[in-house]
Amino acid sequence: MSSAHKNLSVFNTEGLPDISAKKFVIVVAEWNDEVTGALYEGAHKTLLEYGAKPENIRRVNVPGSFELSFGSQVYAQKPDVDAIIAIGCVIQGETKHNDYINHAVAHGLTDVALKYNKPVIFGVLTPNTLQQALDRAGGIHGNKGDEAAMTAIKMLGLQ
């Protein structure tokens, strides 16, 4: 279901694991920072709301979405990190750069998760326009950051 038909900030919260002792790293792309900042705020708020301690949430900035994979890998290899949330926004624009970046980031984050056997969450918006991004970063379609944090929480419940 597309986010145009589902609010990204509404989810099922039954059976969530206790995350009070879990450590999270939120890797945030600086590119499109108006959007990624709002996504980070959503993820951070959701983690706190569902039991994470503020001292167990670390923000790490990388220049752009392409760098999310490496930034995530740096922290995934640390034994005291339980889950990573990668936050980015790649707006389509006039060229096909978004196709290459989005594909590389999706594969890179998947590889990191599988290599280190821990949740690495794809919290990257891939909209056609800035307005679509804002609509999904706390606007009319909710906040993808909320959804990414909830995904991390649920994936920790698998372990």
N, C-alpha and C. Protein backbone atom coordinates (compact mmCIF):
# COMPACT_ATOMS: atom_id res chain seq x y z
N MET A 1 0.84 -1.17 0.00
CA MET A 1 0.00 0.00 0.00
C MET A 1 0.89 1.24 0.00
N SER A 2 0.61 2.16 -0.87
CA SER A 2 1.40 3.38 -0.94
C SER A 2 1.09 4.28 0.24
N SER A 3 2.04 5.17 0.56
CA SER A 3 1.82 6.08 1.68
C SER A 3 0.72 7.09 1.37
N ALA A 4 0.33 7.21 0.12
CA ALA A 4 -0.80 8.08 -0.22
C ALA A 4 -2.10 7.49 0.30
N HIS A 5 -2.10 6.18 0.62
CA HIS A 5 -3.28 5.51 1.11
C HIS A 5 -3.14 5.03 2.55
N LYS A 6 -1.99 5.26 3.17
CA LYS A 6 -1.74 4.80 4.53
C LYS A 6 -0.93 5.87 5.26
N ASN A 7 -1.29 6.15 6.48
CA ASN A 7 -0.53 7.10 7.27
C ASN A 7 0.70 6.40 7.84
N LEU A 8 1.89 6.92 7.56
CA LEU A 8 3.14 6.31 7.98
C LEU A 8 3.34 6.31 9.49
N SER A 9 2.54 7.10 10.19
CA SER A 9 2.68 7.20 11.65
C SER A 9 1.66 6.36 12.40
N VAL A 10 0.92 5.53 11.71
CA VAL A 10 -0.07 4.66 12.34
C VAL A 10 0.34 3.22 12.11
N PHE A 11 0.51 2.46 13.20
CA PHE A 11 0.96 1.08 13.08
C PHE A 11 0.42 0.23 14.22
N ASN A 12 0.49 -1.06 14.03
CA ASN A 12 0.09 -2.03 15.05
C ASN A 12 1.19 -2.11 16.10
N THR A 13 0.82 -1.97 17.37
CA THR A 13 1.83 -1.98 18.44
C THR A 13 1.67 -3.18 19.37
N GLU A 14 0.91 -4.18 18.95
CA GLU A 14 0.73 -5.36 19.79
C GLU A 14 2.01 -6.19 19.83
N GLY A 15 2.35 -6.67 21.04
CA GLY A 15 3.46 -7.59 21.20
C GLY A 15 4.84 -7.01 20.98
N LEU A 16 5.01 -5.73 21.20
CA LEU A 16 6.33 -5.12 21.00
C LEU A 16 7.31 -5.59 22.08
N PRO A 17 8.58 -5.76 21.72
CA PRO A 17 9.57 -6.16 22.72
C PRO A 17 9.95 -4.99 23.63
N ASP A 18 10.53 -5.31 24.77
CA ASP A 18 11.07 -4.30 25.68
C ASP A 18 12.36 -3.76 25.07
N ILE A 19 12.41 -2.47 24.80
CA ILE A 19 13.62 -1.89 24.20
C ILE A 19 14.36 -0.98 25.16
N SER A 20 14.04 -1.06 26.43
CA SER A 20 14.63 -0.13 27.40
C SER A 20 16.14 -0.29 27.53
N ALA A 21 16.68 -1.45 27.20
CA ALA A 21 18.12 -1.66 27.29
C ALA A 21 18.78 -1.71 25.90
N LYS A 22 18.01 -1.52 24.85
CA LYS A 22 18.53 -1.60 23.48
C LYS A 22 19.19 -0.29 23.08
N LYS A 23 20.24 -0.41 22.27
CA LYS A 23 20.97 0.76 21.79
C LYS A 23 20.74 0.92 20.29
N PHE A 24 20.37 2.15 19.92
CA PHE A 24 20.03 2.48 18.54
C PHE A 24 20.98 3.54 18.01
N VAL A 25 21.31 3.42 16.74
CA VAL A 25 22.02 4.47 16.03
C VAL A 25 21.14 4.89 14.87
N ILE A 26 20.91 6.18 14.76
CA ILE A 26 20.16 6.73 13.64
C ILE A 26 21.15 7.47 12.76
N VAL A 27 21.38 6.93 11.57
CA VAL A 27 22.32 7.52 10.61
C VAL A 27 21.49 8.41 9.69
N VAL A 28 21.84 9.70 9.66
CA VAL A 28 21.02 10.70 8.97
C VAL A 28 21.81 11.37 7.85
N ALA A 29 21.26 11.33 6.64
CA ALA A 29 21.87 12.04 5.51
C ALA A 29 21.63 13.54 5.67
N GLU A 30 22.68 14.32 5.46
CA GLU A 30 22.57 15.78 5.55
C GLU A 30 21.90 16.38 4.32
N TRP A 31 21.99 15.70 3.17
CA TRP A 31 21.38 16.20 1.95
C TRP A 31 19.86 16.20 2.13
N ASN A 32 19.18 17.25 1.72
CA ASN A 32 17.74 17.44 1.95
C ASN A 32 17.44 17.47 3.45
N ASP A 33 18.26 18.24 4.18
CA ASP A 33 18.19 18.23 5.65
C ASP A 33 16.86 18.72 6.23
N GLU A 34 16.12 19.52 5.49
CA GLU A 34 14.79 19.92 5.98
C GLU A 34 13.92 18.67 6.15
N VAL A 35 14.05 17.75 5.23
CA VAL A 35 13.27 16.51 5.25
C VAL A 35 13.90 15.51 6.22
N THR A 36 15.20 15.29 6.10
CA THR A 36 15.84 14.26 6.93
C THR A 36 15.82 14.65 8.41
N GLY A 37 15.87 15.94 8.69
CA GLY A 37 15.76 16.39 10.09
C GLY A 37 14.41 16.04 10.67
N ALA A 38 13.36 16.23 9.89
CA ALA A 38 12.01 15.89 10.35
C ALA A 38 11.85 14.38 10.49
N LEU A 39 12.45 13.61 9.59
CA LEU A 39 12.41 12.15 9.69
C LEU A 39 13.14 11.68 10.95
N TYR A 40 14.29 12.29 11.22
CA TYR A 40 15.03 11.95 12.44
C TYR A 40 14.19 12.24 13.67
N GLU A 41 13.57 13.40 13.71
CA GLU A 41 12.74 13.76 14.87
C GLU A 41 11.63 12.73 15.09
N GLY A 42 11.01 12.30 14.00
CA GLY A 42 9.97 11.29 14.11
C GLY A 42 10.50 9.98 14.65
N ALA A 43 11.64 9.53 14.13
CA ALA A 43 12.23 8.26 14.60
C ALA A 43 12.63 8.36 16.06
N HIS A 44 13.26 9.45 16.44
CA HIS A 44 13.72 9.64 17.82
C HIS A 44 12.53 9.65 18.77
N LYS A 45 11.50 10.39 18.42
CA LYS A 45 10.29 10.49 19.25
C LYS A 45 9.63 9.12 19.42
N THR A 46 9.54 8.37 18.35
CA THR A 46 8.91 7.06 18.41
C THR A 46 9.71 6.10 19.28
N LEU A 47 11.02 6.09 19.14
CA LEU A 47 11.84 5.23 19.99
C LEU A 47 11.62 5.55 21.47
N LEU A 48 11.61 6.83 21.80
CA LEU A 48 11.39 7.23 23.19
C LEU A 48 9.99 6.83 23.66
N GLU A 49 9.01 7.05 22.82
CA GLU A 49 7.62 6.75 23.17
C GLU A 49 7.43 5.27 23.49
N TYR A 50 8.19 4.41 22.84
CA TYR A 50 8.01 2.97 23.05
C TYR A 50 9.09 2.34 23.94
N GLY A 51 9.82 3.18 24.69
CA GLY A 51 10.65 2.66 25.76
C GLY A 51 12.14 2.80 25.67
N ALA A 52 12.66 3.33 24.57
CA ALA A 52 14.12 3.52 24.49
C ALA A 52 14.53 4.65 25.42
N LYS A 53 15.71 4.52 25.99
CA LYS A 53 16.25 5.57 26.85
C LYS A 53 17.02 6.57 25.99
N PRO A 54 16.90 7.85 26.30
CA PRO A 54 17.59 8.87 25.49
C PRO A 54 19.09 8.61 25.34
N GLU A 55 19.72 8.13 26.39
CA GLU A 55 21.16 7.89 26.33
C GLU A 55 21.51 6.68 25.46
N ASN A 56 20.51 5.91 25.04
CA ASN A 56 20.74 4.75 24.18
C ASN A 56 20.41 5.01 22.71
N ILE A 57 20.23 6.29 22.38
CA ILE A 57 19.94 6.67 20.99
C ILE A 57 21.03 7.64 20.55
N ARG A 58 21.73 7.27 19.49
CA ARG A 58 22.81 8.13 18.99
C ARG A 58 22.51 8.54 17.56
N ARG A 59 22.68 9.82 17.28
CA ARG A 59 22.56 10.33 15.91
C ARG A 59 23.94 10.47 15.31
N VAL A 60 24.06 10.00 14.06
CA VAL A 60 25.30 10.13 13.30
C VAL A 60 24.93 10.71 11.94
N ASN A 61 25.60 11.77 11.53
CA ASN A 61 25.33 12.39 10.23
C ASN A 61 26.31 11.91 9.18
N VAL A 62 25.80 11.72 7.96
CA VAL A 62 26.64 11.45 6.79
C VAL A 62 26.24 12.46 5.72
N PRO A 63 27.10 12.71 4.73
CA PRO A 63 26.81 13.76 3.75
C PRO A 63 25.51 13.56 2.95
N GLY A 64 25.28 12.35 2.47
CA GLY A 64 24.09 12.12 1.65
C GLY A 64 23.58 10.70 1.81
N SER A 65 22.53 10.38 1.10
CA SER A 65 21.94 9.05 1.21
C SER A 65 22.88 7.95 0.72
N PHE A 66 23.69 8.23 -0.28
CA PHE A 66 24.63 7.22 -0.78
C PHE A 66 25.56 6.74 0.34
N GLU A 67 25.89 7.61 1.27
CA GLU A 67 26.81 7.28 2.36
C GLU A 67 26.14 6.56 3.53
N LEU A 68 24.84 6.36 3.47
CA LEU A 68 24.12 5.68 4.57
C LEU A 68 24.61 4.25 4.78
N SER A 69 24.94 3.55 3.72
CA SER A 69 25.39 2.16 3.86
C SER A 69 26.69 2.07 4.65
N PHE A 70 27.66 2.88 4.28
CA PHE A 70 28.93 2.84 5.00
C PHE A 70 28.75 3.33 6.43
N GLY A 71 28.02 4.41 6.60
CA GLY A 71 27.77 4.91 7.95
C GLY A 71 27.09 3.87 8.82
N SER A 72 26.17 3.15 8.24
CA SER A 72 25.47 2.09 8.99
C SER A 72 26.42 0.94 9.32
N GLN A 73 27.28 0.60 8.38
CA GLN A 73 28.23 -0.50 8.61
C GLN A 73 29.20 -0.18 9.74
N VAL A 74 29.65 1.04 9.82
CA VAL A 74 30.58 1.44 10.89
C VAL A 74 29.98 1.12 12.26
N TYR A 75 28.68 1.36 12.40
CA TYR A 75 28.04 1.13 13.69
C TYR A 75 27.47 -0.28 13.84
N ALA A 76 27.12 -0.93 12.75
CA ALA A 76 26.60 -2.29 12.83
C ALA A 76 27.65 -3.25 13.37
N GLN A 77 28.91 -2.98 13.09
CA GLN A 77 29.96 -3.89 13.55
C GLN A 77 30.27 -3.74 15.04
N LYS A 78 29.71 -2.72 15.67
CA LYS A 78 29.93 -2.52 17.10
C LYS A 78 28.98 -3.44 17.89
N PRO A 79 29.53 -4.25 18.79
CA PRO A 79 28.68 -5.21 19.50
C PRO A 79 27.64 -4.58 20.42
N ASP A 80 27.85 -3.35 20.84
CA ASP A 80 26.88 -2.72 21.74
C ASP A 80 25.75 -1.98 21.03
N VAL A 81 25.71 -2.04 19.70
CA VAL A 81 24.63 -1.43 18.93
C VAL A 81 23.66 -2.53 18.54
N ASP A 82 22.37 -2.33 18.86
CA ASP A 82 21.35 -3.35 18.60
C ASP A 82 20.62 -3.16 17.28
N ALA A 83 20.43 -1.91 16.87
CA ALA A 83 19.71 -1.65 15.62
C ALA A 83 20.15 -0.30 15.05
N ILE A 84 20.09 -0.21 13.74
CA ILE A 84 20.45 1.02 13.03
C ILE A 84 19.27 1.43 12.17
N ILE A 85 19.00 2.73 12.18
CA ILE A 85 17.95 3.29 11.32
C ILE A 85 18.64 4.28 10.39
N ALA A 86 18.56 4.02 9.09
CA ALA A 86 19.17 4.88 8.08
C ALA A 86 18.10 5.83 7.54
N ILE A 87 18.34 7.12 7.68
CA ILE A 87 17.38 8.16 7.30
C ILE A 87 17.95 8.97 6.13
N GLY A 88 17.19 9.04 5.05
CA GLY A 88 17.62 9.82 3.90
C GLY A 88 16.44 10.24 3.05
N CYS A 89 16.74 11.03 2.02
CA CYS A 89 15.71 11.48 1.08
C CYS A 89 16.39 11.75 -0.26
N VAL A 90 15.95 11.01 -1.28
CA VAL A 90 16.48 11.20 -2.63
C VAL A 90 15.30 11.59 -3.51
N ILE A 91 15.27 12.86 -3.91
CA ILE A 91 14.18 13.38 -4.74
C ILE A 91 14.53 13.16 -6.20
N GLN A 92 13.57 12.73 -6.98
CA GLN A 92 13.82 12.32 -8.36
C GLN A 92 14.58 13.37 -9.16
N GLY A 93 14.12 14.56 -9.25
CA GLY A 93 14.83 15.59 -10.01
C GLY A 93 14.77 15.37 -11.51
N GLU A 94 15.71 15.99 -12.22
CA GLU A 94 15.68 15.99 -13.69
C GLU A 94 16.49 14.86 -14.32
N THR A 95 17.31 14.16 -13.54
CA THR A 95 18.13 13.08 -14.08
C THR A 95 17.76 11.77 -13.40
N LYS A 96 18.41 10.70 -13.78
CA LYS A 96 18.11 9.38 -13.21
C LYS A 96 19.00 9.07 -12.01
N HIS A 97 19.69 10.07 -11.45
CA HIS A 97 20.58 9.82 -10.32
C HIS A 97 19.87 9.10 -9.19
N ASN A 98 18.58 9.41 -9.01
CA ASN A 98 17.83 8.81 -7.91
C ASN A 98 17.74 7.29 -8.06
N ASP A 99 17.58 6.80 -9.29
CA ASP A 99 17.51 5.36 -9.50
C ASP A 99 18.79 4.68 -9.02
N TYR A 100 19.92 5.23 -9.38
CA TYR A 100 21.21 4.63 -9.01
C TYR A 100 21.45 4.71 -7.50
N ILE A 101 21.17 5.86 -6.93
CA ILE A 101 21.40 6.03 -5.49
C ILE A 101 20.45 5.14 -4.69
N ASN A 102 19.17 5.17 -5.00
CA ASN A 102 18.21 4.38 -4.23
C ASN A 102 18.51 2.89 -4.32
N HIS A 103 18.87 2.43 -5.50
CA HIS A 103 19.21 1.01 -5.69
C HIS A 103 20.45 0.65 -4.86
N ALA A 104 21.47 1.48 -4.94
CA ALA A 104 22.70 1.21 -4.19
C ALA A 104 22.47 1.22 -2.69
N VAL A 105 21.70 2.18 -2.21
CA VAL A 105 21.44 2.28 -0.77
C VAL A 105 20.62 1.08 -0.29
N ALA A 106 19.59 0.71 -1.02
CA ALA A 106 18.78 -0.44 -0.62
C ALA A 106 19.63 -1.70 -0.52
N HIS A 107 20.45 -1.93 -1.53
CA HIS A 107 21.32 -3.11 -1.50
C HIS A 107 22.38 -3.01 -0.41
N GLY A 108 22.95 -1.83 -0.27
CA GLY A 108 23.99 -1.64 0.74
C GLY A 108 23.47 -1.88 2.15
N LEU A 109 22.32 -1.33 2.47
CA LEU A 109 21.76 -1.51 3.81
C LEU A 109 21.36 -2.96 4.06
N THR A 110 20.83 -3.61 3.04
CA THR A 110 20.49 -5.03 3.17
C THR A 110 21.75 -5.85 3.45
N ASP A 111 22.81 -5.57 2.71
CA ASP A 111 24.08 -6.28 2.91
C ASP A 111 24.61 -6.09 4.33
N VAL A 112 24.53 -4.88 4.84
CA VAL A 112 25.02 -4.61 6.20
C VAL A 112 24.20 -5.39 7.23
N ALA A 113 22.89 -5.39 7.06
CA ALA A 113 22.02 -6.12 8.00
C ALA A 113 22.35 -7.61 8.00
N LEU A 114 22.52 -8.17 6.83
CA LEU A 114 22.81 -9.60 6.75
C LEU A 114 24.21 -9.94 7.23
N LYS A 115 25.17 -9.07 6.95
CA LYS A 115 26.55 -9.32 7.37
C LYS A 115 26.69 -9.30 8.89
N TYR A 116 25.98 -8.37 9.55
CA TYR A 116 26.14 -8.21 11.00
C TYR A 116 24.96 -8.77 11.79
N ASN A 117 23.99 -9.36 11.10
CA ASN A 117 22.87 -10.05 11.74
C ASN A 117 22.15 -9.15 12.75
N LYS A 118 21.87 -7.93 12.31
CA LYS A 118 21.08 -7.02 13.15
C LYS A 118 20.24 -6.12 12.26
N PRO A 119 19.16 -5.60 12.81
CA PRO A 119 18.29 -4.74 12.01
C PRO A 119 18.99 -3.47 11.53
N VAL A 120 18.93 -3.26 10.23
CA VAL A 120 19.38 -2.02 9.60
C VAL A 120 18.20 -1.58 8.74
N ILE A 121 17.57 -0.52 9.16
CA ILE A 121 16.26 -0.13 8.61
C ILE A 121 16.40 0.93 7.53
N PHE A 122 15.70 0.71 6.41
CA PHE A 122 15.67 1.62 5.27
C PHE A 122 14.62 2.69 5.53
N GLY A 123 15.04 3.82 6.05
CA GLY A 123 14.15 4.95 6.31
C GLY A 123 14.42 6.06 5.31
N VAL A 124 14.47 5.68 4.04
CA VAL A 124 14.82 6.61 2.97
C VAL A 124 13.59 6.91 2.13
N LEU A 125 13.27 8.18 2.01
CA LEU A 125 12.18 8.59 1.13
C LEU A 125 12.69 8.64 -0.31
N THR A 126 11.83 8.25 -1.25
CA THR A 126 12.20 8.26 -2.67
C THR A 126 11.12 8.98 -3.49
N PRO A 127 10.79 10.21 -3.13
CA PRO A 127 9.68 10.91 -3.77
C PRO A 127 10.07 11.53 -5.12
N ASN A 128 9.03 11.95 -5.82
CA ASN A 128 9.24 12.66 -7.08
C ASN A 128 9.50 14.15 -6.87
N THR A 129 8.96 14.70 -5.77
CA THR A 129 9.06 16.15 -5.54
C THR A 129 9.36 16.43 -4.06
N LEU A 130 9.83 17.64 -3.80
CA LEU A 130 10.05 18.06 -2.43
C LEU A 130 8.74 18.04 -1.64
N GLN A 131 7.65 18.44 -2.25
CA GLN A 131 6.36 18.44 -1.54
C GLN A 131 5.96 17.03 -1.12
N GLN A 132 6.18 16.05 -1.98
CA GLN A 132 5.88 14.66 -1.61
C GLN A 132 6.75 14.24 -0.43
N ALA A 133 8.00 14.67 -0.40
CA ALA A 133 8.88 14.35 0.72
C ALA A 133 8.36 14.97 2.01
N LEU A 134 7.99 16.23 1.96
CA LEU A 134 7.48 16.92 3.15
C LEU A 134 6.18 16.29 3.64
N ASP A 135 5.36 15.83 2.70
CA ASP A 135 4.11 15.16 3.07
C ASP A 135 4.37 13.87 3.85
N ARG A 136 5.56 13.27 3.66
CA ARG A 136 5.92 12.01 4.31
C ARG A 136 6.93 12.19 5.44
N ALA A 137 7.22 13.43 5.75
CA ALA A 137 8.17 13.76 6.83
C ALA A 137 7.46 14.60 7.89
N GLY A 138 6.27 14.13 8.26
CA GLY A 138 5.47 14.82 9.27
C GLY A 138 4.30 15.58 8.69
N GLY A 139 4.08 15.45 7.38
CA GLY A 139 2.97 16.12 6.72
C GLY A 139 1.73 15.26 6.66
N ILE A 140 0.98 15.42 5.61
CA ILE A 140 -0.34 14.78 5.52
C ILE A 140 -0.30 13.25 5.48
N HIS A 141 0.83 12.67 5.16
CA HIS A 141 0.94 11.21 5.11
C HIS A 141 1.68 10.64 6.32
N GLY A 142 1.87 11.44 7.35
CA GLY A 142 2.58 10.97 8.54
C GLY A 142 4.08 11.17 8.40
N ASN A 143 4.83 10.34 9.11
CA ASN A 143 6.29 10.52 9.14
C ASN A 143 6.97 9.16 8.95
N LYS A 144 7.70 9.03 7.87
CA LYS A 144 8.45 7.80 7.58
C LYS A 144 9.46 7.50 8.68
N GLY A 145 9.91 8.51 9.39
CA GLY A 145 10.80 8.29 10.53
C GLY A 145 10.12 7.50 11.63
N ASP A 146 8.85 7.80 11.89
CA ASP A 146 8.07 7.02 12.86
C ASP A 146 8.04 5.56 12.43
N GLU A 147 7.71 5.35 11.16
CA GLU A 147 7.60 3.99 10.64
C GLU A 147 8.94 3.25 10.72
N ALA A 148 10.03 3.93 10.40
CA ALA A 148 11.35 3.30 10.45
C ALA A 148 11.71 2.89 11.87
N ALA A 149 11.41 3.74 12.85
CA ALA A 149 11.68 3.39 14.24
C ALA A 149 10.84 2.20 14.69
N MET A 150 9.57 2.20 14.32
CA MET A 150 8.72 1.07 14.69
C MET A 150 9.20 -0.21 14.02
N THR A 151 9.68 -0.11 12.80
CA THR A 151 10.23 -1.28 12.12
C THR A 151 11.44 -1.82 12.88
N ALA A 152 12.31 -0.93 13.34
CA ALA A 152 13.48 -1.37 14.12
C ALA A 152 13.04 -2.09 15.39
N ILE A 153 12.06 -1.53 16.07
CA ILE A 153 11.56 -2.15 17.31
C ILE A 153 11.01 -3.55 17.02
N LYS A 154 10.19 -3.66 15.99
CA LYS A 154 9.59 -4.95 15.66
C LYS A 154 10.65 -5.96 15.23
N MET A 155 11.64 -5.52 14.49
CA MET A 155 12.69 -6.45 14.05
C MET A 155 13.53 -6.92 15.22
N LEU A 156 13.72 -6.09 16.23
CA LEU A 156 14.43 -6.54 17.44
C LEU A 156 13.66 -7.65 18.14
N GLY A 157 12.35 -7.65 17.99
CA GLY A 157 11.52 -8.69 18.58
C GLY A 157 11.73 -10.05 17.95
N LEU A 158 12.34 -10.09 16.76
CA LEU A 158 12.62 -11.37 16.10
C LEU A 158 13.81 -12.10 16.70
N GLN A 159 14.65 -11.34 17.38
CA GLN A 159 15.91 -11.93 17.85
C GLN A 159 15.76 -12.61 19.17
